[in-house]
Amino acid sequence: MLEALTPATWAILITFVIGYCLIIFEHKIHINKATSALLTAVVMWAIVFASPHAPFSSHLSFLREQLSEITQVVLFLIAALTIVEIIAAHQGFGFVSRLMKVDGKRRYFWIVGILTFFLSAILDNLTTTIVMVTLVAKVVPHRIDRWIIGSGVVIAANAGGAWTPIGDVTTTMLWIGGQLSAANIITNLFIPSVVCMAVSFLFLTRQVEGRLESGLQEEQPGAEPHAKTILFIGIGALIFIPIFKTLTGLPPFMGALFGLSLLWAYTDIAHFPHKERGHLRVTHIIRSIDLSSVLFFLGVLLAVGALDEANILSNFALLLNETIANHAVIAALIGVLSAIVDNVPLVAAAMGMYDFSMHPPDSPFWELIAFCAGTGGSMLIIGSAAGVVFMGIEKVDFFWYFKKVTFSAALGYAAGLAAYLLVDPLLNFM
């Protein structure tokens, strides 16, 4: 593949690598990762449009298609983030805090992980990470303890998000594309996801010692008016997203916007007579959403879209297909690569590379792609949206995560993959 690279393609690759390094060293150079991602994406696309391998109109058409797909993801994230932020503003997640009231740090670590695992299946891994990391910050005063527990949140959120159609962007893509049905995702990926999380936690637990300081867990503020109702509507709206898609055929972001509009209407009606509740109105709450993380996600997807338009991703996929006959290994490699390159374009490339004649809907290959792409990103802190959000909230150092967490996350990933292969060895396409 390297012999076929043109000067323009090399320029695109080099720009991507430089931008990637700027993101990694965000805290050293003091430039926000969203800035680096957006700038990288714009420069890469400028090179793409200047390259002679295709006409301007062809590049423009591809970019419009990319924007259509990316916009759906971004709108879905904004709607989901707003729903979660409304619940959080009303202290609706108080029940989670009550479940997390324990003294021992190791017990607390496991309880946080288990709650994260199941919440991420409903809220999606990104929003669950925001909720759980925020709650942990209120209880655990020491930074390193918060980093270890927060790293567990990232692993549990990614593992939990891999076994439902709304838990992770990649499973949503495969669900929308018809490669997987919701029933198969839940049935066949639940056990591997549990194993992935459990094995990682068994190794991470050794870094958590001691007891939580007394009194900190009692400092949680009381619930705001209508907290339980808003929690019920918000969680219900998120669970309803796949049902909404099934009933209407509309993409998931429309279901998310539908749920947000219902919750928004309820809060406006509930708080309108009370001027002192201005902080509970959505127009106020929406200002608290971390839009920089959404813009970072936008920049990364645009940058990888430029790699796709330059045929770098497709050539790499073809190279894998020609050199590795075992498609289970290809899926596993995609999971490893998702820790470096965003999993969304990797899954998109796989979806374009293999048609239904080779791997029909609900085949083991697509299930493996969903699991590997969803959980492999935990191996690096910038390998998943959950990790990026955790990095932004707690200012976690990239190399600290690599030294302390990557090995445990990799073991969990391998164990989950082995668990799936033991259940279904994929003999039909090895």
Protein backbone atom coordinates (compact mmCIF):
# COMPACT_ATOMS: atom_id res chain seq x y z
CA MET A 1 0.00 0.00 0.00
CA LEU A 2 2.85 2.41 0.83
CA GLU A 3 4.16 2.36 -2.76
CA ALA A 4 0.82 3.73 -3.98
CA LEU A 5 0.88 6.77 -1.72
CA THR A 6 0.93 10.09 -3.59
CA PRO A 7 2.49 13.30 -2.21
CA ALA A 8 -1.00 14.55 -1.32
CA THR A 9 -1.75 11.30 0.54
CA TRP A 10 1.51 11.58 2.45
CA ALA A 11 0.63 15.16 3.37
CA ILE A 12 -2.77 14.02 4.68
CA LEU A 13 -1.18 11.24 6.74
CA ILE A 14 1.48 13.54 8.18
CA THR A 15 -1.12 16.17 9.07
CA PHE A 16 -3.19 13.52 10.84
CA VAL A 17 -0.18 12.28 12.82
CA ILE A 18 0.79 15.81 13.85
CA GLY A 19 -2.78 16.58 14.91
CA TYR A 20 -2.92 13.32 16.83
CA CYS A 21 0.26 14.24 18.69
CA LEU A 22 -1.16 17.69 19.53
CA ILE A 23 -4.18 15.96 21.04
CA ILE A 24 -2.02 13.60 23.09
CA PHE A 25 0.14 16.42 24.45
CA GLU A 26 -2.78 18.75 25.13
CA HIS A 27 -1.75 19.39 28.74
CA LYS A 28 1.88 20.01 27.78
CA ILE A 29 1.21 22.54 25.03
CA HIS A 30 -1.93 24.03 26.66
CA ILE A 31 -3.98 23.89 23.46
CA ASN A 32 -7.47 22.43 23.82
CA LYS A 33 -7.85 19.07 22.06
CA ALA A 34 -10.98 20.35 20.28
CA THR A 35 -8.91 23.10 18.70
CA SER A 36 -6.29 20.60 17.51
CA ALA A 37 -8.91 18.20 16.15
CA LEU A 38 -10.84 20.87 14.26
CA LEU A 39 -7.69 22.48 12.83
CA THR A 40 -6.35 19.06 11.79
CA ALA A 41 -9.62 18.21 10.07
CA VAL A 42 -9.78 21.48 8.14
CA VAL A 43 -6.16 21.23 6.95
CA MET A 44 -6.63 17.59 5.91
CA TRP A 45 -9.74 18.40 3.91
CA ALA A 46 -8.00 21.38 2.30
CA ILE A 47 -5.27 18.99 1.10
CA VAL A 48 -7.92 16.54 -0.11
CA PHE A 49 -9.63 19.23 -2.19
CA ALA A 50 -6.28 20.36 -3.59
CA SER A 51 -5.26 16.84 -4.62
CA PRO A 52 -5.71 15.91 -8.30
CA HIS A 53 -6.87 12.30 -7.88
CA ALA A 54 -10.58 13.27 -8.11
CA PRO A 55 -12.54 16.33 -9.30
CA PHE A 56 -13.62 19.05 -6.88
CA SER A 57 -17.28 18.10 -7.21
CA SER A 58 -16.51 14.51 -6.21
CA HIS A 59 -14.73 15.64 -3.03
CA LEU A 60 -17.55 18.05 -2.23
CA SER A 61 -20.16 15.32 -2.67
CA PHE A 62 -18.24 12.98 -0.36
CA LEU A 63 -17.83 15.71 2.28
CA ARG A 64 -21.56 16.38 2.19
CA GLU A 65 -22.25 12.69 2.74
CA GLN A 66 -19.78 12.66 5.63
CA LEU A 67 -21.41 15.71 7.18
CA SER A 68 -24.81 14.06 6.88
CA GLU A 69 -23.60 11.03 8.83
CA ILE A 70 -21.54 13.03 11.33
CA THR A 71 -24.39 15.47 11.97
CA GLN A 72 -26.64 12.59 12.97
CA VAL A 73 -24.07 11.48 15.54
CA VAL A 74 -23.48 15.01 16.82
CA LEU A 75 -27.22 15.75 17.14
CA PHE A 76 -27.72 12.44 18.92
CA LEU A 77 -24.93 13.32 21.37
CA ILE A 78 -26.21 16.83 22.01
CA ALA A 79 -29.76 15.58 22.64
CA ALA A 80 -28.59 12.75 24.90
CA LEU A 81 -26.18 15.02 26.78
CA THR A 82 -28.95 17.57 27.32
CA ILE A 83 -31.34 14.92 28.65
CA VAL A 84 -28.71 13.69 31.10
CA GLU A 85 -27.80 17.25 32.10
CA ILE A 86 -31.48 18.02 32.84
CA ILE A 87 -31.71 14.94 35.05
CA ALA A 88 -28.44 15.85 36.79
CA ALA A 89 -29.52 19.48 37.35
CA HIS A 90 -32.58 18.20 39.20
CA GLN A 91 -30.38 15.81 41.24
CA GLY A 92 -32.28 12.95 39.66
CA PHE A 93 -29.29 10.64 39.90
CA GLY A 94 -29.47 10.74 43.67
CA PHE A 95 -30.49 7.09 43.72
CA VAL A 96 -27.11 6.23 42.18
CA SER A 97 -25.35 8.13 44.96
CA ARG A 98 -27.33 6.21 47.55
CA LEU A 99 -26.36 2.89 45.99
CA MET A 100 -22.70 4.00 46.06
CA LYS A 101 -22.64 4.70 49.82
CA VAL A 102 -19.93 2.35 51.09
CA ASP A 103 -16.77 2.89 53.11
CA GLY A 104 -14.20 0.66 51.43
CA LYS A 105 -12.61 2.03 48.26
CA ARG A 106 -12.48 -1.39 46.60
CA ARG A 107 -16.16 -2.05 47.24
CA TYR A 108 -16.92 1.46 46.01
CA PHE A 109 -14.83 0.80 42.88
CA TRP A 110 -16.79 -2.35 42.01
CA ILE A 111 -20.18 -0.79 42.77
CA VAL A 112 -19.33 2.18 40.54
CA GLY A 113 -18.24 -0.22 37.80
CA ILE A 114 -21.36 -2.39 37.94
CA LEU A 115 -23.69 0.62 37.97
CA THR A 116 -21.77 2.16 35.07
CA PHE A 117 -21.95 -1.07 33.08
CA PHE A 118 -25.74 -1.21 33.21
CA LEU A 119 -26.38 2.53 32.98
CA SER A 120 -24.24 2.78 29.83
CA ALA A 121 -26.52 0.28 28.14
CA ILE A 122 -29.32 2.84 28.55
CA LEU A 123 -27.66 6.25 28.63
CA ASP A 124 -24.85 5.30 26.18
CA ASN A 125 -21.22 5.14 27.27
CA LEU A 126 -20.46 8.84 26.77
CA THR A 127 -23.26 10.27 28.90
CA THR A 128 -22.86 7.54 31.54
CA THR A 129 -19.21 8.45 31.92
CA ILE A 130 -20.12 12.09 32.46
CA VAL A 131 -22.66 11.16 35.15
CA MET A 132 -20.48 8.67 36.99
CA VAL A 133 -17.23 10.66 36.87
CA THR A 134 -19.12 13.69 38.21
CA LEU A 135 -20.57 11.65 41.06
CA VAL A 136 -17.19 10.11 41.90
CA ALA A 137 -15.62 13.58 42.05
CA LYS A 138 -18.07 14.52 44.81
CA VAL A 139 -17.11 11.51 46.94
CA VAL A 140 -13.41 10.79 46.33
CA PRO A 141 -11.13 13.70 47.29
CA HIS A 142 -7.76 12.34 46.15
CA ARG A 143 -6.89 12.84 42.51
CA ILE A 144 -5.13 9.53 41.86
CA ASP A 145 -7.98 7.57 43.43
CA ARG A 146 -10.42 9.46 41.22
CA TRP A 147 -8.28 8.70 38.19
CA ILE A 148 -8.20 4.96 38.92
CA ILE A 149 -11.93 4.78 39.64
CA GLY A 150 -12.67 7.00 36.64
CA SER A 151 -10.58 4.72 34.43
CA GLY A 152 -12.75 1.85 35.64
CA VAL A 153 -15.77 3.93 34.66
CA VAL A 154 -14.40 4.26 31.10
CA ILE A 155 -13.80 0.51 30.81
CA ALA A 156 -17.21 -0.38 32.28
CA ALA A 157 -18.99 2.22 30.15
CA ASN A 158 -17.43 0.95 26.93
CA ALA A 159 -18.12 -2.68 27.85
CA GLY A 160 -21.69 -1.87 28.87
CA GLY A 161 -22.29 0.16 25.74
CA ALA A 162 -21.21 -2.68 23.45
CA TRP A 163 -24.17 -4.96 24.15
CA THR A 164 -27.12 -2.68 23.34
CA PRO A 165 -28.03 -0.83 20.12
CA ILE A 166 -27.99 2.59 21.83
CA GLY A 167 -25.04 2.01 24.16
CA ASP A 168 -22.31 2.91 21.68
CA VAL A 169 -22.14 4.80 18.41
CA THR A 170 -20.68 1.80 16.57
CA THR A 171 -23.38 -0.63 17.69
CA THR A 172 -25.91 2.01 16.67
CA MET A 173 -24.29 2.20 13.22
CA LEU A 174 -24.41 -1.57 12.77
CA TRP A 175 -27.99 -1.61 14.01
CA ILE A 176 -29.07 1.17 11.65
CA GLY A 177 -27.19 -0.42 8.75
CA GLY A 178 -28.99 -3.73 9.20
CA GLN A 179 -25.87 -5.72 10.06
CA LEU A 180 -27.22 -6.52 13.54
CA SER A 181 -30.64 -6.71 15.15
CA ALA A 182 -31.23 -5.34 18.64
CA ALA A 183 -32.10 -8.79 19.97
CA ASN A 184 -28.86 -10.33 18.72
CA ILE A 185 -26.72 -7.51 20.06
CA ILE A 186 -28.17 -7.95 23.55
CA THR A 187 -28.25 -11.76 23.56
CA ASN A 188 -24.82 -12.54 22.12
CA LEU A 189 -22.66 -9.69 23.41
CA PHE A 190 -23.78 -9.48 27.03
CA ILE A 191 -21.52 -12.24 28.40
CA PRO A 192 -18.35 -11.12 26.54
CA SER A 193 -18.97 -7.57 27.76
CA VAL A 194 -19.33 -8.74 31.36
CA VAL A 195 -16.10 -10.75 31.09
CA CYS A 196 -14.28 -7.79 29.55
CA MET A 197 -15.22 -5.50 32.42
CA ALA A 198 -14.71 -8.09 35.20
CA VAL A 199 -11.20 -9.11 34.12
CA SER A 200 -10.06 -5.49 33.77
CA PHE A 201 -11.47 -4.66 37.20
CA LEU A 202 -9.77 -7.65 38.82
CA PHE A 203 -6.40 -6.21 37.80
CA LEU A 204 -7.25 -2.56 38.45
CA THR A 205 -8.58 -3.35 41.93
CA ARG A 206 -5.03 -3.84 43.19
CA GLN A 207 -4.41 -0.11 42.73
CA VAL A 208 -7.34 0.84 44.98
CA GLU A 209 -6.71 0.64 48.71
CA GLY A 210 -8.02 2.12 51.95
CA ARG A 211 -11.31 3.62 52.99
CA LEU A 212 -13.28 6.62 51.86
CA GLU A 213 -13.14 9.62 54.16
CA SER A 214 -16.20 9.75 56.39
CA GLY A 215 -18.74 12.48 55.86
CA LEU A 216 -18.00 13.11 52.20
CA GLN A 217 -20.84 10.94 51.00
CA GLU A 218 -23.35 12.83 53.10
CA GLU A 219 -22.57 16.10 51.31
CA GLN A 220 -24.80 15.34 48.32
CA PRO A 221 -27.41 18.07 47.76
CA GLY A 222 -31.09 17.26 48.05
CA ALA A 223 -33.28 16.59 45.04
CA GLU A 224 -34.91 19.48 43.22
CA PRO A 225 -38.69 19.64 42.60
CA HIS A 226 -40.00 17.01 40.14
CA ALA A 227 -36.67 15.11 40.29
CA LYS A 228 -38.24 11.63 40.23
CA THR A 229 -40.62 12.47 37.38
CA ILE A 230 -37.84 14.02 35.32
CA LEU A 231 -35.62 11.00 35.98
CA PHE A 232 -38.43 8.70 34.83
CA ILE A 233 -39.13 10.74 31.68
CA GLY A 234 -35.43 11.11 30.85
CA ILE A 235 -34.51 7.45 31.25
CA GLY A 236 -37.71 6.46 29.47
CA ALA A 237 -36.89 8.79 26.58
CA LEU A 238 -33.47 7.20 26.14
CA ILE A 239 -34.82 3.65 26.30
CA PHE A 240 -37.53 4.62 23.81
CA ILE A 241 -35.01 5.61 21.11
CA PRO A 242 -34.69 2.14 19.50
CA ILE A 243 -38.44 1.63 19.86
CA PHE A 244 -39.04 4.97 18.13
CA LYS A 245 -36.76 3.90 15.27
CA THR A 246 -38.61 0.61 14.91
CA LEU A 247 -42.01 2.31 14.88
CA THR A 248 -41.16 5.20 12.56
CA GLY A 249 -38.07 4.15 10.62
CA LEU A 250 -36.47 7.50 11.47
CA PRO A 251 -32.78 7.62 12.50
CA PRO A 252 -31.91 7.45 16.22
CA PHE A 253 -31.11 11.15 16.57
CA MET A 254 -34.77 11.91 15.80
CA GLY A 255 -35.81 9.68 18.67
CA ALA A 256 -33.32 11.45 20.94
CA LEU A 257 -34.66 14.86 19.87
CA PHE A 258 -38.22 13.61 20.43
CA GLY A 259 -37.37 12.55 23.98
CA LEU A 260 -35.57 15.82 24.65
CA SER A 261 -38.54 17.86 23.39
CA LEU A 262 -40.92 16.00 25.73
CA LEU A 263 -38.62 16.52 28.71
CA TRP A 264 -38.10 20.15 27.77
CA ALA A 265 -41.86 20.73 27.54
CA TYR A 266 -42.41 19.11 30.93
CA THR A 267 -39.78 21.25 32.67
CA ASP A 268 -41.15 24.43 31.11
CA ILE A 269 -44.66 23.62 32.32
CA ALA A 270 -43.51 22.45 35.77
CA HIS A 271 -41.24 25.43 36.51
CA PHE A 272 -43.05 28.26 34.70
CA PRO A 273 -45.00 29.48 37.76
CA HIS A 274 -41.82 29.60 39.90
CA LYS A 275 -39.40 32.37 38.98
CA GLU A 276 -36.87 31.12 41.54
CA ARG A 277 -36.43 27.93 39.52
CA GLY A 278 -34.77 29.62 36.57
CA HIS A 279 -31.70 27.42 37.06
CA LEU A 280 -33.88 24.37 36.33
CA ARG A 281 -35.11 25.62 32.95
CA VAL A 282 -33.54 23.95 29.93
CA THR A 283 -32.47 27.31 28.49
CA HIS A 284 -30.21 27.65 31.54
CA ILE A 285 -29.16 24.01 31.85
CA ILE A 286 -28.10 23.73 28.22
CA ARG A 287 -25.26 26.17 28.89
CA SER A 288 -23.60 23.54 31.10
CA ILE A 289 -23.18 21.00 28.28
CA ASP A 290 -19.55 20.33 27.42
CA LEU A 291 -19.70 21.43 23.79
CA SER A 292 -15.90 21.30 23.51
CA SER A 293 -16.07 17.51 23.75
CA VAL A 294 -18.74 17.44 21.04
CA LEU A 295 -16.58 19.68 18.83
CA PHE A 296 -13.59 17.43 19.47
CA PHE A 297 -15.69 14.46 18.37
CA LEU A 298 -16.75 16.43 15.28
CA GLY A 299 -13.13 17.26 14.45
CA VAL A 300 -11.94 13.67 14.83
CA LEU A 301 -14.74 12.30 12.63
CA LEU A 302 -14.05 14.93 9.95
CA ALA A 303 -10.32 14.15 10.05
CA VAL A 304 -10.86 10.43 9.68
CA GLY A 305 -13.39 11.16 6.94
CA ALA A 306 -10.54 12.85 5.06
CA LEU A 307 -8.48 9.67 5.50
CA ASP A 308 -11.39 7.76 4.02
CA GLU A 309 -11.76 10.10 1.03
CA ALA A 310 -8.01 9.78 0.37
CA ASN A 311 -8.59 5.99 0.18
CA ILE A 312 -6.19 5.39 3.08
CA LEU A 313 -8.72 3.51 5.20
CA SER A 314 -10.08 1.44 2.33
CA ASN A 315 -6.57 0.50 1.16
CA PHE A 316 -5.68 -0.54 4.66
CA ALA A 317 -8.84 -2.62 4.92
CA LEU A 318 -7.99 -4.32 1.62
CA LEU A 319 -4.48 -4.96 2.86
CA LEU A 320 -5.89 -6.66 5.95
CA ASN A 321 -8.24 -8.74 3.85
CA GLU A 322 -5.45 -9.91 1.55
CA THR A 323 -2.89 -10.70 4.24
CA ILE A 324 -5.14 -12.06 6.99
CA ALA A 325 -7.57 -14.78 5.97
CA ASN A 326 -9.15 -15.09 9.42
CA HIS A 327 -11.90 -12.50 9.75
CA ALA A 328 -12.04 -13.00 13.51
CA VAL A 329 -8.45 -11.73 13.66
CA ILE A 330 -9.42 -8.78 11.45
CA ALA A 331 -12.21 -7.90 13.88
CA ALA A 332 -9.78 -8.16 16.80
CA LEU A 333 -7.30 -5.89 15.01
CA ILE A 334 -10.05 -3.36 14.36
CA GLY A 335 -10.63 -3.32 18.10
CA VAL A 336 -6.95 -2.67 18.76
CA LEU A 337 -6.87 0.07 16.12
CA SER A 338 -9.94 1.68 17.68
CA ALA A 339 -7.73 2.60 20.63
CA ILE A 340 -5.71 4.77 18.23
CA VAL A 341 -8.10 5.77 15.45
CA ASP A 342 -11.75 6.54 16.14
CA ASN A 343 -13.89 3.39 16.00
CA VAL A 344 -16.68 5.00 13.96
CA PRO A 345 -14.79 5.23 10.63
CA LEU A 346 -13.17 1.84 11.26
CA VAL A 347 -16.59 0.24 11.59
CA ALA A 348 -17.84 2.24 8.62
CA ALA A 349 -14.92 0.92 6.55
CA ALA A 350 -15.73 -2.66 7.60
CA MET A 351 -19.38 -2.14 6.70
CA GLY A 352 -18.36 -0.95 3.23
CA MET A 353 -15.80 -3.68 2.73
CA TYR A 354 -17.95 -6.71 3.53
CA ASP A 355 -21.40 -7.06 2.01
CA PHE A 356 -24.30 -9.24 3.16
CA SER A 357 -23.43 -11.97 0.65
CA MET A 358 -20.22 -12.60 2.58
CA HIS A 359 -21.53 -11.90 6.07
CA PRO A 360 -25.34 -11.83 6.33
CA PRO A 361 -27.20 -9.86 9.03
CA ASP A 362 -26.56 -11.08 12.59
CA SER A 363 -23.55 -13.12 11.50
CA PRO A 364 -20.80 -13.69 14.12
CA PHE A 365 -18.47 -11.37 12.21
CA TRP A 366 -20.69 -8.33 12.73
CA GLU A 367 -21.16 -9.24 16.39
CA LEU A 368 -17.38 -9.39 16.82
CA ILE A 369 -16.96 -6.04 15.06
CA ALA A 370 -19.48 -4.49 17.46
CA PHE A 371 -17.77 -5.95 20.54
CA CYS A 372 -14.18 -5.27 19.47
CA ALA A 373 -14.78 -1.73 18.22
CA GLY A 374 -16.83 -0.91 21.31
CA THR A 375 -14.42 -2.21 23.95
CA GLY A 376 -11.02 -1.90 22.25
CA GLY A 377 -11.00 1.86 22.67
CA SER A 378 -10.56 1.47 26.44
CA MET A 379 -6.91 0.56 25.93
CA LEU A 380 -5.98 4.22 25.42
CA ILE A 381 -7.68 7.18 27.06
CA ILE A 382 -8.24 8.87 23.69
CA GLY A 383 -9.52 5.67 22.13
CA SER A 384 -13.18 6.27 22.96
CA ALA A 385 -15.61 9.11 23.53
CA ALA A 386 -15.91 7.97 27.17
CA GLY A 387 -12.15 8.22 27.62
CA VAL A 388 -11.98 11.62 25.98
CA VAL A 389 -14.71 12.96 28.25
CA PHE A 390 -13.01 11.50 31.34
CA MET A 391 -9.72 13.05 30.20
CA GLY A 392 -11.40 16.43 29.84
CA ILE A 393 -13.29 16.39 33.15
CA GLU A 394 -10.46 15.10 35.37
CA LYS A 395 -7.50 16.39 33.30
CA VAL A 396 -6.02 12.90 33.17
CA ASP A 397 -2.55 12.58 31.67
CA PHE A 398 -2.31 10.37 28.57
CA PHE A 399 0.87 8.62 29.71
CA TRP A 400 -0.44 8.03 33.24
CA TYR A 401 -3.39 6.15 31.77
CA PHE A 402 -1.06 4.20 29.48
CA LYS A 403 1.15 3.12 32.39
CA LYS A 404 -1.59 2.38 34.92
CA VAL A 405 -4.63 1.24 32.93
CA THR A 406 -3.77 0.09 29.41
CA PHE A 407 -2.50 -3.36 30.46
CA SER A 408 -5.62 -4.10 32.52
CA ALA A 409 -7.89 -2.85 29.74
CA ALA A 410 -6.04 -4.99 27.19
CA LEU A 411 -6.40 -8.10 29.35
CA GLY A 412 -10.12 -7.45 29.70
CA TYR A 413 -10.44 -6.93 25.95
CA ALA A 414 -8.65 -10.23 25.24
CA ALA A 415 -10.71 -12.09 27.84
CA GLY A 416 -14.00 -10.77 26.43
CA LEU A 417 -12.92 -11.74 22.92
CA ALA A 418 -11.99 -15.23 24.15
CA ALA A 419 -15.35 -15.54 25.89
CA TYR A 420 -17.16 -14.78 22.65
CA LEU A 421 -15.03 -17.22 20.66
CA LEU A 422 -15.70 -19.97 23.19
CA VAL A 423 -19.42 -19.48 22.69
CA ASP A 424 -19.24 -19.20 18.92
CA PRO A 425 -15.82 -20.14 17.42
CA LEU A 426 -16.71 -18.61 14.05
CA LEU A 427 -15.88 -21.84 12.23
CA ASN A 428 -18.08 -20.79 9.33
CA PHE A 429 -15.66 -18.12 8.11
CA MET A 430 -12.23 -18.90 9.56
